[in-house]
Amino acid sequence: MPWTDYIFWSRSTAADDPAPPPKSASTSKSNGTWTSPLNARDYTHYTTPQTLIFAGLTTASTLALIKLYKNHLRRIPGAEYLKPGFFRRRSLYGYVTSVGDADGLRLFHTPGGRLMGWGWWRQVGVKAKGKGRGIRKTEGTLSIRIAGIDAPEMAHFGKEEQAYSKEAFDWLRGFTEHKYVRVYPYRNDQFGRVVGSVFRRQWVVWNTDVGLQMLKRGLATVYEAKSGAEFGDSEAIYRETEAQAKAKGLGIWKHPGFIGRLLGQEKAVESPREYKTRTAQQEHGRKAAPKPPVSAAIALKPEVPSGGWLGGLLKSDSASPIAQSESAAPKAQDGASHKVKKGK
């Protein structure tokens, strides 16, 4: 029925309505019978080549994006999140929030770098609570130990500062802090740090090995531990660079001057390995030294005067041998006079 006739259907009569078309055999066959299921569905359109190809491409793209995110775009907030399969196969690109000592730094992992919005769209670092407090330098970061080198130790845990430790710390801080670097991790050490080689990109395409630069300037030595040393593929060039710095007398390899020779200094400053060995022996000697007995400790304990400095001064004068002899003389004279009176 046309829509105009449908609107004015009340004006039409039953004779004006067209008769329904007769049901043919094909129509009755397609509509089914009374015994056929009414909710029967046809799934043939799901098996067409176009549908199968589209579904396969969508599934493969989704799985590829998930793998890309997990392997390259997911941020790693700490060393405990690094799986064993990550070491020696992958790298960490991030922002150095702080430098702790002369051979260690704190890295905030920024996967994808600036292409993924880090630094201009996404915030670098964990923001501290409160207004104007900046970011937290250690929270959400990885502690990185530069592999293959051993830098002079700074003062910590009651130990004295090693020579050239401040120079090495200042250079590393100026070269890496608040800059983007790439770390090639090798393993986690016993202190929960990630041991790896650190590279900083310079002049757009030039990658600079941070550890090699410290060896070249005489600010570090090749790591000489009995076990746990990691160099990657750079051990040979590290040792060659150290030998060149030692021959030139740079940094810690600087030869003593005239005044140093007069004071008896025959060699350059002790290496970090010698410093650690010496301090460890001193610490072991202090722990192994026998404690004095309680009576001896009490006897050796200085007596604190109760009358202040003046009372202590008077007490020390009275305790002197001269004062004791002078006080003993009147007593002897008193005893002699007492005997004379008794004899009388």
Protein backbone atom coordinates (compact mmCIF):
# COMPACT_ATOMS: atom_id res chain seq x y z
CA MET A 1 0.00 0.00 0.00
CA PRO A 2 1.44 3.43 -0.87
CA TRP A 3 2.14 5.70 2.08
CA THR A 4 -0.44 8.19 0.96
CA ASP A 5 -3.11 5.50 0.97
CA TYR A 6 -1.86 4.34 4.38
CA ILE A 7 -2.41 7.81 5.82
CA PHE A 8 -5.93 8.09 4.44
CA TRP A 9 -6.84 4.44 4.90
CA SER A 10 -10.05 5.34 6.69
CA ARG A 11 -11.44 6.88 3.48
CA SER A 12 -10.85 3.74 1.50
CA THR A 13 -13.06 0.69 1.47
CA ALA A 14 -12.18 -2.94 1.72
CA ALA A 15 -12.79 -3.41 -1.95
CA ASP A 16 -10.04 -0.95 -2.76
CA ASP A 17 -7.34 -2.96 -0.92
CA PRO A 18 -5.37 -5.21 -3.23
CA ALA A 19 -5.70 -8.91 -2.68
CA PRO A 20 -2.65 -10.73 -1.28
CA PRO A 21 -0.65 -12.70 -3.81
CA PRO A 22 -1.25 -16.42 -3.87
CA LYS A 23 1.32 -18.57 -2.03
CA SER A 24 3.30 -20.62 -4.41
CA ALA A 25 5.04 -23.86 -3.62
CA SER A 26 8.49 -22.22 -3.43
CA THR A 27 7.29 -19.61 -0.95
CA SER A 28 5.74 -22.13 1.34
CA LYS A 29 8.91 -24.21 1.13
CA SER A 30 11.18 -21.32 2.12
CA ASN A 31 8.99 -20.34 5.05
CA GLY A 32 9.10 -23.84 6.43
CA THR A 33 6.38 -25.96 7.92
CA TRP A 34 4.71 -26.05 11.27
CA THR A 35 7.10 -28.75 12.46
CA SER A 36 10.31 -26.94 11.41
CA PRO A 37 12.23 -24.87 14.08
CA LEU A 38 11.21 -21.23 14.07
CA ASN A 39 14.60 -19.90 15.29
CA ALA A 40 16.79 -21.63 12.74
CA ARG A 41 19.84 -19.50 11.73
CA ASP A 42 21.99 -19.51 8.68
CA TYR A 43 25.77 -19.30 9.38
CA THR A 44 26.93 -19.57 5.82
CA HIS A 45 27.78 -15.86 5.61
CA TYR A 46 30.39 -16.32 8.37
CA THR A 47 32.40 -18.72 6.22
CA THR A 48 32.80 -16.51 3.21
CA PRO A 49 36.44 -15.74 2.17
CA GLN A 50 36.03 -12.02 2.85
CA THR A 51 34.88 -12.62 6.41
CA LEU A 52 37.62 -15.15 7.18
CA ILE A 53 40.38 -12.91 5.82
CA PHE A 54 39.15 -9.89 7.78
CA ALA A 55 38.90 -11.88 11.01
CA GLY A 56 42.39 -13.31 10.55
CA LEU A 57 43.96 -9.91 9.90
CA THR A 58 42.20 -8.36 12.89
CA THR A 59 43.35 -11.13 15.26
CA ALA A 60 46.94 -11.05 14.02
CA SER A 61 47.11 -7.25 14.33
CA THR A 62 45.74 -7.35 17.87
CA LEU A 63 48.25 -9.99 18.98
CA ALA A 64 51.12 -8.08 17.33
CA LEU A 65 50.16 -4.86 19.12
CA ILE A 66 49.97 -6.67 22.46
CA LYS A 67 53.42 -8.19 21.93
CA LEU A 68 54.82 -4.81 20.85
CA TYR A 69 53.51 -3.19 24.01
CA LYS A 70 54.79 -5.92 26.32
CA ASN A 71 58.25 -6.05 24.76
CA HIS A 72 58.93 -2.44 23.82
CA LEU A 73 56.35 0.02 25.17
CA ARG A 74 55.61 -1.21 28.70
CA ARG A 75 57.44 0.79 31.36
CA ILE A 76 59.64 -1.10 33.83
CA PRO A 77 59.50 0.63 37.25
CA GLY A 78 62.12 -1.47 39.06
CA ALA A 79 64.84 -4.09 38.73
CA GLU A 80 62.59 -6.79 40.15
CA TYR A 81 60.38 -6.56 37.05
CA LEU A 82 63.19 -7.61 34.70
CA LYS A 83 62.84 -11.22 33.63
CA PRO A 84 65.89 -13.43 32.93
CA GLY A 85 65.12 -13.41 29.21
CA PHE A 86 65.48 -9.63 29.13
CA PHE A 87 69.21 -9.59 29.96
CA ARG A 88 71.73 -9.49 27.10
CA ARG A 89 68.90 -9.33 24.54
CA ARG A 90 67.15 -6.03 25.11
CA SER A 91 68.03 -2.51 26.15
CA LEU A 92 66.56 0.14 28.45
CA TYR A 93 66.09 3.69 27.26
CA GLY A 94 65.40 6.23 29.94
CA TYR A 95 66.00 9.50 31.72
CA VAL A 96 68.67 9.84 34.43
CA THR A 97 66.99 11.41 37.46
CA SER A 98 70.03 11.39 39.76
CA VAL A 99 73.60 10.13 40.19
CA GLY A 100 74.28 8.32 43.47
CA ASP A 101 78.03 7.74 43.29
CA ALA A 102 80.86 7.73 40.77
CA ASP A 103 79.78 4.50 39.05
CA GLY A 104 76.02 4.36 39.63
CA LEU A 105 72.91 6.30 38.59
CA ARG A 106 69.11 6.25 38.74
CA LEU A 107 67.20 5.60 35.50
CA PHE A 108 63.53 6.35 34.86
CA HIS A 109 62.52 3.99 32.05
CA THR A 110 60.83 5.84 29.16
CA PRO A 111 60.02 3.22 26.49
CA GLY A 112 59.69 4.76 23.06
CA GLY A 113 61.31 8.00 24.15
CA ARG A 114 59.92 11.26 22.86
CA LEU A 115 58.04 9.50 20.07
CA MET A 116 55.72 8.07 22.74
CA GLY A 117 55.25 11.47 24.37
CA TRP A 118 57.81 11.26 27.19
CA GLY A 119 58.99 14.69 28.24
CA TRP A 120 56.39 16.74 26.37
CA TRP A 121 53.10 14.87 26.75
CA ARG A 122 53.81 12.24 29.42
CA GLN A 123 55.54 13.20 32.64
CA VAL A 124 59.03 11.89 33.29
CA GLY A 125 59.43 10.74 36.91
CA VAL A 126 57.03 10.15 39.78
CA LYS A 127 55.62 13.45 40.95
CA ALA A 128 55.95 14.19 44.65
CA LYS A 129 52.86 15.10 46.65
CA GLY A 130 52.26 18.78 47.18
CA LYS A 131 52.67 21.81 44.99
CA GLY A 132 56.08 22.81 43.74
CA ARG A 133 57.90 19.69 45.00
CA GLY A 134 58.99 18.41 41.58
CA ILE A 135 59.59 14.71 41.05
CA ARG A 136 60.96 11.98 43.27
CA LYS A 137 64.42 11.02 42.12
CA THR A 138 64.37 7.39 43.29
CA GLU A 139 60.74 6.25 43.23
CA GLY A 140 59.82 4.27 40.14
CA THR A 141 63.42 4.18 38.90
CA LEU A 142 66.06 1.50 38.33
CA SER A 143 69.41 1.61 40.10
CA ILE A 144 72.08 1.17 37.43
CA ARG A 145 75.64 0.00 38.14
CA ILE A 146 77.96 0.84 35.24
CA ALA A 147 79.51 -2.43 34.08
CA GLY A 148 83.21 -3.07 33.62
CA ILE A 149 84.58 -0.17 35.69
CA ASP A 150 85.33 0.57 39.33
CA ALA A 151 85.36 4.25 40.32
CA PRO A 152 86.87 5.79 43.48
CA GLU A 153 84.64 5.46 46.53
CA MET A 154 83.05 8.42 48.23
CA ALA A 155 82.68 8.76 51.99
CA HIS A 156 79.96 6.45 53.27
CA PHE A 157 79.25 4.10 56.20
CA GLY A 158 81.91 5.82 58.29
CA LYS A 159 84.68 5.26 55.72
CA GLU A 160 86.90 8.05 54.49
CA GLU A 161 86.65 9.49 51.02
CA GLN A 162 88.98 8.11 48.40
CA ALA A 163 91.13 10.43 46.31
CA TYR A 164 89.59 11.57 42.99
CA SER A 165 86.15 10.34 44.04
CA LYS A 166 84.69 13.85 43.88
CA GLU A 167 86.20 14.47 40.43
CA ALA A 168 84.73 11.20 39.11
CA PHE A 169 81.34 11.92 40.66
CA ASP A 170 81.20 15.46 39.26
CA TRP A 171 82.11 14.29 35.76
CA LEU A 172 79.51 11.50 35.73
CA ARG A 173 76.86 13.82 37.08
CA GLY A 174 77.55 16.49 34.49
CA PHE A 175 77.62 13.98 31.63
CA THR A 176 74.50 11.92 32.40
CA GLU A 177 72.21 13.59 34.95
CA HIS A 178 68.93 14.93 33.49
CA LYS A 179 69.77 13.37 30.13
CA TYR A 180 68.51 10.37 28.16
CA VAL A 181 70.75 7.28 28.05
CA ARG A 182 70.50 3.69 26.86
CA VAL A 183 71.46 0.80 29.12
CA TYR A 184 72.31 -2.73 27.95
CA PRO A 185 71.64 -4.85 31.05
CA TYR A 186 73.61 -8.00 31.86
CA ARG A 187 72.29 -9.09 35.27
CA ASN A 188 71.13 -7.98 38.73
CA ASP A 189 73.74 -7.83 41.48
CA GLN A 190 73.40 -8.68 45.17
CA PHE A 191 72.36 -5.12 46.00
CA GLY A 192 69.37 -5.09 43.64
CA ARG A 193 71.12 -2.96 41.01
CA VAL A 194 71.07 -3.57 37.26
CA VAL A 195 74.62 -4.11 35.98
CA GLY A 196 74.91 -2.89 32.42
CA SER A 197 76.77 -0.75 29.91
CA VAL A 198 75.55 2.85 29.66
CA PHE A 199 75.58 4.83 26.43
CA ARG A 200 74.62 8.43 25.79
CA ARG A 201 73.80 9.65 22.30
CA GLN A 202 75.75 12.66 21.11
CA TRP A 203 75.58 14.52 17.81
CA VAL A 204 72.30 12.73 16.94
CA VAL A 205 73.86 9.43 15.80
CA TRP A 206 77.03 9.03 17.90
CA ASN A 207 76.70 6.75 20.96
CA THR A 208 79.26 7.42 23.69
CA ASP A 209 80.24 4.67 26.14
CA VAL A 210 80.15 6.27 29.60
CA GLY A 211 82.42 3.70 31.23
CA LEU A 212 85.01 3.99 28.47
CA GLN A 213 85.11 7.76 28.83
CA MET A 214 85.78 7.46 32.57
CA LEU A 215 88.64 5.04 31.92
CA LYS A 216 90.08 7.38 29.30
CA ARG A 217 90.18 10.25 31.81
CA GLY A 218 91.69 8.16 34.60
CA LEU A 219 88.56 8.49 36.74
CA ALA A 220 88.00 4.73 37.03
CA THR A 221 89.78 1.40 36.71
CA VAL A 222 88.79 -1.86 35.09
CA TYR A 223 86.66 -3.92 37.44
CA GLU A 224 88.96 -6.52 39.01
CA ALA A 225 86.67 -8.58 41.24
CA LYS A 226 87.25 -12.34 41.39
CA SER A 227 83.71 -13.03 40.19
CA GLY A 228 80.77 -11.10 38.82
CA ALA A 229 82.69 -8.88 36.40
CA GLU A 230 80.65 -7.87 33.35
CA PHE A 231 82.07 -6.22 30.25
CA GLY A 232 79.83 -7.29 27.40
CA ASP A 233 82.06 -7.22 24.32
CA SER A 234 84.27 -4.36 25.55
CA GLU A 235 86.78 -5.97 27.92
CA ALA A 236 89.71 -5.72 25.50
CA ILE A 237 89.17 -2.04 24.68
CA TYR A 238 88.56 -1.26 28.36
CA ARG A 239 91.91 -2.72 29.40
CA GLU A 240 93.71 -1.01 26.53
CA THR A 241 92.20 2.36 27.45
CA GLU A 242 93.14 1.90 31.11
CA ALA A 243 96.74 1.12 30.13
CA GLN A 244 96.91 4.30 28.02
CA ALA A 245 95.57 6.46 30.87
CA LYS A 246 98.02 4.84 33.27
CA ALA A 247 100.94 5.52 30.94
CA LYS A 248 99.92 9.18 30.62
CA GLY A 249 99.47 9.55 34.38
CA LEU A 250 95.87 10.79 34.21
CA GLY A 251 93.50 10.97 37.16
CA ILE A 252 94.18 8.36 39.78
CA TRP A 253 97.27 7.26 37.82
CA LYS A 254 98.91 10.66 38.28
CA HIS A 255 102.50 10.27 39.48
CA PRO A 256 103.43 11.95 42.79
CA GLY A 257 105.15 15.31 42.52
CA PHE A 258 108.21 16.62 44.28
CA ILE A 259 106.43 17.26 47.56
CA GLY A 260 104.77 13.87 47.40
CA ARG A 261 108.13 12.15 46.95
CA LEU A 262 109.54 14.11 49.89
CA LEU A 263 106.64 12.84 52.00
CA GLY A 264 107.45 9.28 51.02
CA GLN A 265 104.77 8.74 48.39
CA GLU A 266 106.24 6.31 45.88
CA LYS A 267 103.21 5.44 43.74
CA ALA A 268 99.98 6.90 42.49
CA VAL A 269 96.77 6.90 44.50
CA GLU A 270 95.52 3.47 45.50
CA SER A 271 93.01 1.89 43.16
CA PRO A 272 89.38 1.33 44.20
CA ARG A 273 90.08 -2.41 44.58
CA GLU A 274 93.01 -1.72 46.92
CA TYR A 275 90.90 0.77 48.86
CA LYS A 276 88.09 -1.76 49.32
CA THR A 277 90.52 -4.49 50.37
CA ARG A 278 92.19 -2.21 52.93
CA THR A 279 88.94 -0.93 54.44
CA ALA A 280 87.53 -4.47 54.57
CA GLN A 281 90.60 -5.67 56.49
CA GLN A 282 90.31 -2.77 58.91
CA GLU A 283 86.64 -3.51 59.46
CA HIS A 284 87.40 -7.20 60.00
CA GLY A 285 90.17 -6.31 62.46
CA ARG A 286 87.84 -4.13 64.50
CA LYS A 287 85.27 -6.90 64.66
CA ALA A 288 87.86 -9.55 65.58
CA ALA A 289 89.55 -7.45 68.33
CA PRO A 290 88.72 -8.87 71.83
CA LYS A 291 86.61 -6.68 74.06
CA PRO A 292 88.16 -5.64 77.42
CA PRO A 293 86.68 -7.22 80.56
CA VAL A 294 84.05 -5.34 82.50
CA SER A 295 86.33 -4.62 85.49
CA ALA A 296 89.05 -3.23 83.23
CA ALA A 297 86.53 -1.12 81.37
CA ILE A 298 85.29 0.32 84.65
CA ALA A 299 88.85 0.97 85.84
CA LEU A 300 89.75 2.69 82.59
CA LYS A 301 86.61 4.81 82.64
CA PRO A 302 87.54 8.42 83.46
CA GLU A 303 85.96 9.87 86.55
CA VAL A 304 83.74 12.84 85.84
CA PRO A 305 83.99 15.56 88.50
CA SER A 306 80.68 16.57 90.02
CA GLY A 307 81.71 20.15 90.82
CA GLY A 308 82.30 21.32 87.28
CA TRP A 309 85.63 22.41 85.89
CA LEU A 310 86.61 24.27 89.06
CA GLY A 311 85.86 21.26 91.25
CA GLY A 312 87.83 19.03 88.92
CA LEU A 313 90.75 21.42 89.00
CA LEU A 314 90.76 21.52 92.81
CA LYS A 315 90.37 17.78 92.95
CA SER A 316 93.29 17.26 90.58
CA ASP A 317 95.44 19.61 92.69
CA SER A 318 94.57 17.73 95.85
CA ALA A 319 95.36 14.46 94.14
CA SER A 320 98.84 15.61 93.06
CA PRO A 321 101.88 14.18 94.94
CA ILE A 322 102.93 17.63 96.16
CA ALA A 323 99.55 18.28 97.70
CA GLN A 324 99.56 14.84 99.28
CA SER A 325 103.01 15.42 100.81
CA GLU A 326 101.99 18.87 102.08
CA SER A 327 98.84 17.44 103.65
CA ALA A 328 100.82 14.61 105.21
CA ALA A 329 103.30 16.99 106.91
CA PRO A 330 100.74 18.72 109.20
CA LYS A 331 99.38 15.33 110.16
CA ALA A 332 102.85 14.20 111.22
CA GLN A 333 103.41 17.39 113.19
CA ASP A 334 100.04 17.01 114.93
CA GLY A 335 100.95 13.47 115.88
CA ALA A 336 104.30 14.53 117.34
CA SER A 337 102.76 17.35 119.41
CA HIS A 338 100.15 14.97 120.69
CA LYS A 339 102.85 12.60 121.95
CA VAL A 340 104.75 15.48 123.68
CA LYS A 341 101.65 16.58 125.54
CA LYS A 342 100.93 13.04 126.60
CA GLY A 343 104.47 12.64 127.95
CA LYS A 344 104.13 15.80 130.00
